C-alpha atoms as a PDB file:
ATOM      1  CA  MET A   1       0.030   0.159   0.116  1.00  0.00           C
ATOM      2  CA  SER A   2       1.369   3.407  -1.014  1.00  0.00           C
ATOM      3  CA  SER A   3       1.950   5.945   1.584  1.00  0.00           C
ATOM      4  CA  VAL A   4       0.339   8.501  -0.631  1.00  0.00           C
ATOM      5  CA  TYR A   5      -3.226   9.743   0.213  1.00  0.00           C
ATOM      6  CA  VAL A   6      -5.375   8.690  -2.729  1.00  0.00           C
ATOM      7  CA  LEU A   7      -8.983   9.107  -3.048  1.00  0.00           C
ATOM      8  CA  HIS A   8     -10.536   5.868  -4.418  1.00  0.00           C
ATOM      9  CA  GLY A   9     -12.932   3.284  -3.363  1.00  0.00           C
ATOM     10  CA  LEU A  10     -15.030   3.419  -0.221  1.00  0.00           C
ATOM     11  CA  ARG A  11     -13.091   6.600   1.220  1.00  0.00           C
ATOM     12  CA  PRO A  12     -14.532   8.983  -1.498  1.00  0.00           C
ATOM     13  CA  TRP A  13     -17.935   7.518  -1.541  1.00  0.00           C
ATOM     14  CA  LEU A  14     -18.122   7.942   2.314  1.00  0.00           C
ATOM     15  CA  ILE A  15     -16.735  11.621   2.204  1.00  0.00           C
ATOM     16  CA  GLN A  16     -19.241  12.435  -0.362  1.00  0.00           C
ATOM     17  CA  ARG A  17     -22.216  10.874   1.562  1.00  0.00           C
ATOM     18  CA  VAL A  18     -21.137  12.323   4.923  1.00  0.00           C
ATOM     19  CA  SER A  19     -20.658  15.885   3.318  1.00  0.00           C
ATOM     20  CA  ALA A  20     -24.158  15.808   1.682  1.00  0.00           C
ATOM     21  CA  VAL A  21     -25.740  14.994   4.807  1.00  0.00           C
ATOM     22  CA  TYR A  22     -23.985  17.744   6.539  1.00  0.00           C
ATOM     23  CA  ILE A  23     -24.805  20.309   3.685  1.00  0.00           C
ATOM     24  CA  ALA A  24     -28.203  19.254   3.890  1.00  0.00           C
ATOM     25  CA  LEU A  25     -28.433  19.648   7.442  1.00  0.00           C
ATOM     26  CA  PHE A  26     -26.744  23.084   7.315  1.00  0.00           C
ATOM     27  CA  VAL A  27     -29.240  24.212   4.688  1.00  0.00           C
ATOM     28  CA  VAL A  28     -32.238  23.127   6.814  1.00  0.00           C
ATOM     29  CA  TYR A  29     -30.805  24.941   9.705  1.00  0.00           C
ATOM     30  CA  ILE A  30     -30.586  28.073   7.726  1.00  0.00           C
ATOM     31  CA  ILE A  31     -33.958  28.008   6.586  1.00  0.00           C
ATOM     32  CA  PHE A  32     -35.180  27.427   9.891  1.00  0.00           C
ATOM     33  CA  SER A  33     -33.190  30.287  11.452  1.00  0.00           C
ATOM     34  CA  LEU A  34     -34.695  32.670   8.774  1.00  0.00           C
ATOM     35  CA  ALA A  35     -38.078  31.239   9.206  1.00  0.00           C
ATOM     36  CA  ALA A  36     -37.764  31.617  12.895  1.00  0.00           C
ATOM     37  CA  ALA A  37     -36.171  35.447  12.781  1.00  0.00           C
ATOM     38  CA  GLN A  38     -38.651  38.072  13.544  1.00  0.00           C
ATOM     39  CA  ASP A  39     -36.532  40.628  11.825  1.00  0.00           C
ATOM     40  CA  VAL A  40     -35.090  39.609   8.461  1.00  0.00           C
ATOM     41  CA  SER A  41     -32.583  42.473   7.865  1.00  0.00           C
ATOM     42  CA  TYR A  42     -28.795  42.756   7.178  1.00  0.00           C
ATOM     43  CA  GLN A  43     -27.910  43.464  10.667  1.00  0.00           C
ATOM     44  CA  HIS A  44     -29.810  40.409  11.947  1.00  0.00           C
ATOM     45  CA  TRP A  45     -28.025  38.133   9.269  1.00  0.00           C
ATOM     46  CA  HIS A  46     -24.792  39.784  10.215  1.00  0.00           C
ATOM     47  CA  ASP A  47     -25.421  39.016  13.835  1.00  0.00           C
ATOM     48  CA  TRP A  48     -26.341  35.402  13.210  1.00  0.00           C
ATOM     49  CA  LEU A  49     -23.453  34.852  11.032  1.00  0.00           C
ATOM     50  CA  PHE A  50     -21.053  36.427  13.397  1.00  0.00           C
ATOM     51  CA  HIS A  51     -22.061  34.078  16.212  1.00  0.00           C
ATOM     52  CA  PRO A  52     -18.964  31.754  16.973  1.00  0.00           C
ATOM     53  CA  LEU A  53     -20.899  28.696  16.542  1.00  0.00           C
ATOM     54  CA  ASN A  54     -22.434  29.695  13.373  1.00  0.00           C
ATOM     55  CA  THR A  55     -19.225  30.841  12.081  1.00  0.00           C
ATOM     56  CA  ILE A  56     -17.618  27.374  12.697  1.00  0.00           C
ATOM     57  CA  ALA A  57     -20.709  25.589  11.234  1.00  0.00           C
ATOM     58  CA  ALA A  58     -20.449  27.910   8.052  1.00  0.00           C
ATOM     59  CA  GLY A  59     -16.522  26.897   7.882  1.00  0.00           C
ATOM     60  CA  LEU A  60     -17.416  23.344   8.073  1.00  0.00           C
ATOM     61  CA  PHE A  61     -20.208  23.665   5.222  1.00  0.00           C
ATOM     62  CA  VAL A  62     -17.383  25.470   3.028  1.00  0.00           C
ATOM     63  CA  ILE A  63     -15.043  22.317   3.768  1.00  0.00           C
ATOM     64  CA  ALA A  64     -18.016  19.859   3.027  1.00  0.00           C
ATOM     65  CA  LEU A  65     -19.118  21.634   0.001  1.00  0.00           C
ATOM     66  CA  LEU A  66     -15.575  21.790  -1.645  1.00  0.00           C
ATOM     67  CA  LEU A  67     -14.887  18.250  -0.573  1.00  0.00           C
ATOM     68  CA  HIS A  68     -18.118  17.148  -2.261  1.00  0.00           C
ATOM     69  CA  ALA A  69     -17.804  19.293  -5.162  1.00  0.00           C
ATOM     70  CA  TRP A  70     -14.155  17.815  -5.763  1.00  0.00           C
ATOM     71  CA  ILE A  71     -15.031  14.109  -5.539  1.00  0.00           C
ATOM     72  CA  GLY A  72     -17.948  14.717  -7.846  1.00  0.00           C
ATOM     73  CA  MET A  73     -16.283  16.672 -10.352  1.00  0.00           C
ATOM     74  CA  ARG A  74     -13.415  14.341 -10.176  1.00  0.00           C
ATOM     75  CA  ASP A  75     -15.476  11.327 -10.851  1.00  0.00           C
ATOM     76  CA  ILE A  76     -17.162  12.992 -13.807  1.00  0.00           C
ATOM     77  CA  ILE A  77     -13.880  13.902 -15.390  1.00  0.00           C
ATOM     78  CA  LEU A  78     -12.586  10.318 -15.045  1.00  0.00           C
ATOM     79  CA  ASP A  79     -15.784   8.726 -16.273  1.00  0.00           C
ATOM     80  CA  TYR A  80     -16.258  11.161 -19.408  1.00  0.00           C
ATOM     81  CA  VAL A  81     -12.958  12.742 -20.162  1.00  0.00           C
ATOM     82  CA  HIS A  82     -10.777  10.146 -21.981  1.00  0.00           C
ATOM     83  CA  ASN A  83      -8.221  12.475 -23.556  1.00  0.00           C
ATOM     84  CA  THR A  84      -5.217  12.764 -21.098  1.00  0.00           C
ATOM     85  CA  LEU A  85      -4.304  16.200 -21.836  1.00  0.00           C
ATOM     86  CA  ILE A  86      -8.014  17.546 -21.825  1.00  0.00           C
ATOM     87  CA  ARG A  87      -8.356  15.543 -18.604  1.00  0.00           C
ATOM     88  CA  MET A  88      -5.463  17.160 -16.926  1.00  0.00           C
ATOM     89  CA  ILE A  89      -6.531  20.450 -18.082  1.00  0.00           C
ATOM     90  CA  ALA A  90     -10.046  19.895 -16.808  1.00  0.00           C
ATOM     91  CA  PHE A  91      -8.610  18.753 -13.355  1.00  0.00           C
ATOM     92  CA  THR A  92      -6.259  22.051 -13.038  1.00  0.00           C
ATOM     93  CA  LEU A  93      -9.334  24.214 -13.810  1.00  0.00           C
ATOM     94  CA  VAL A  94     -11.464  22.298 -11.247  1.00  0.00           C
ATOM     95  CA  ILE A  95      -8.619  22.558  -8.640  1.00  0.00           C
ATOM     96  CA  VAL A  96      -7.980  26.074  -9.132  1.00  0.00           C
ATOM     97  CA  ILE A  97     -11.477  27.229  -9.017  1.00  0.00           C
ATOM     98  CA  LEU A  98     -12.138  25.127  -5.838  1.00  0.00           C
ATOM     99  CA  ILE A  99      -8.930  26.408  -4.109  1.00  0.00           C
ATOM    100  CA  SER A 100      -9.859  29.790  -5.002  1.00  0.00           C
ATOM    101  CA  SER A 101     -13.330  29.632  -3.637  1.00  0.00           C
ATOM    102  CA  GLY A 102     -12.049  28.004  -0.618  1.00  0.00           C
ATOM    103  CA  ILE A 103      -9.565  30.961  -0.138  1.00  0.00           C
ATOM    104  CA  TRP A 104     -12.239  33.429  -0.517  1.00  0.00           C
ATOM    105  CA  SER A 105     -14.497  31.610   1.822  1.00  0.00           C
ATOM    106  CA  VAL A 106     -11.840  31.359   4.671  1.00  0.00           C
ATOM    107  CA  LYS A 107     -10.981  35.033   4.018  1.00  0.00           C
ATOM    108  CA  ILE A 108     -14.726  35.999   4.479  1.00  0.00           C
ATOM    109  CA  LEU A 109     -14.823  33.603   7.536  1.00  0.00           C
ATOM    110  CA  LEU A 110     -11.774  35.317   9.088  1.00  0.00           C
ATOM    111  CA  LEU A 111     -13.086  38.565   8.489  1.00  0.00           C
ATOM    112  CA  THR A 112     -16.347  37.709  10.466  1.00  0.00           C
ATOM    113  CA  LEU A 113     -13.893  36.564  13.534  1.00  0.00           C
ATOM    114  CA  THR A 114     -12.306  39.995  13.571  1.00  0.00           C
ATOM    115  CA  LEU A 115     -15.184  42.282  13.438  1.00  0.00           C
END
């Protein structure tokens, strides 16, 4: 067994299922929070997001979403893109987009902790 961490077999399947459950639960939590809110304004949304537990939950949501997206896109590319060069270009584009999105999300979440 190689010491390199490779996602294949049961591990990516499990990561994708667990991340899907967390994403669904977080979306339900957001919908419930909005439905229960008496005042739906920028200030209320700001205060809700800046609560430390909600910031942590949002951070975990971003991680789950990025992992879920990576595994899904990786499987689609492996299944449907057969040309090696195009496959590498597609992987590179997906990785750049996901890393950029992750950095942007971390920046926003860190901003919430400093305000």
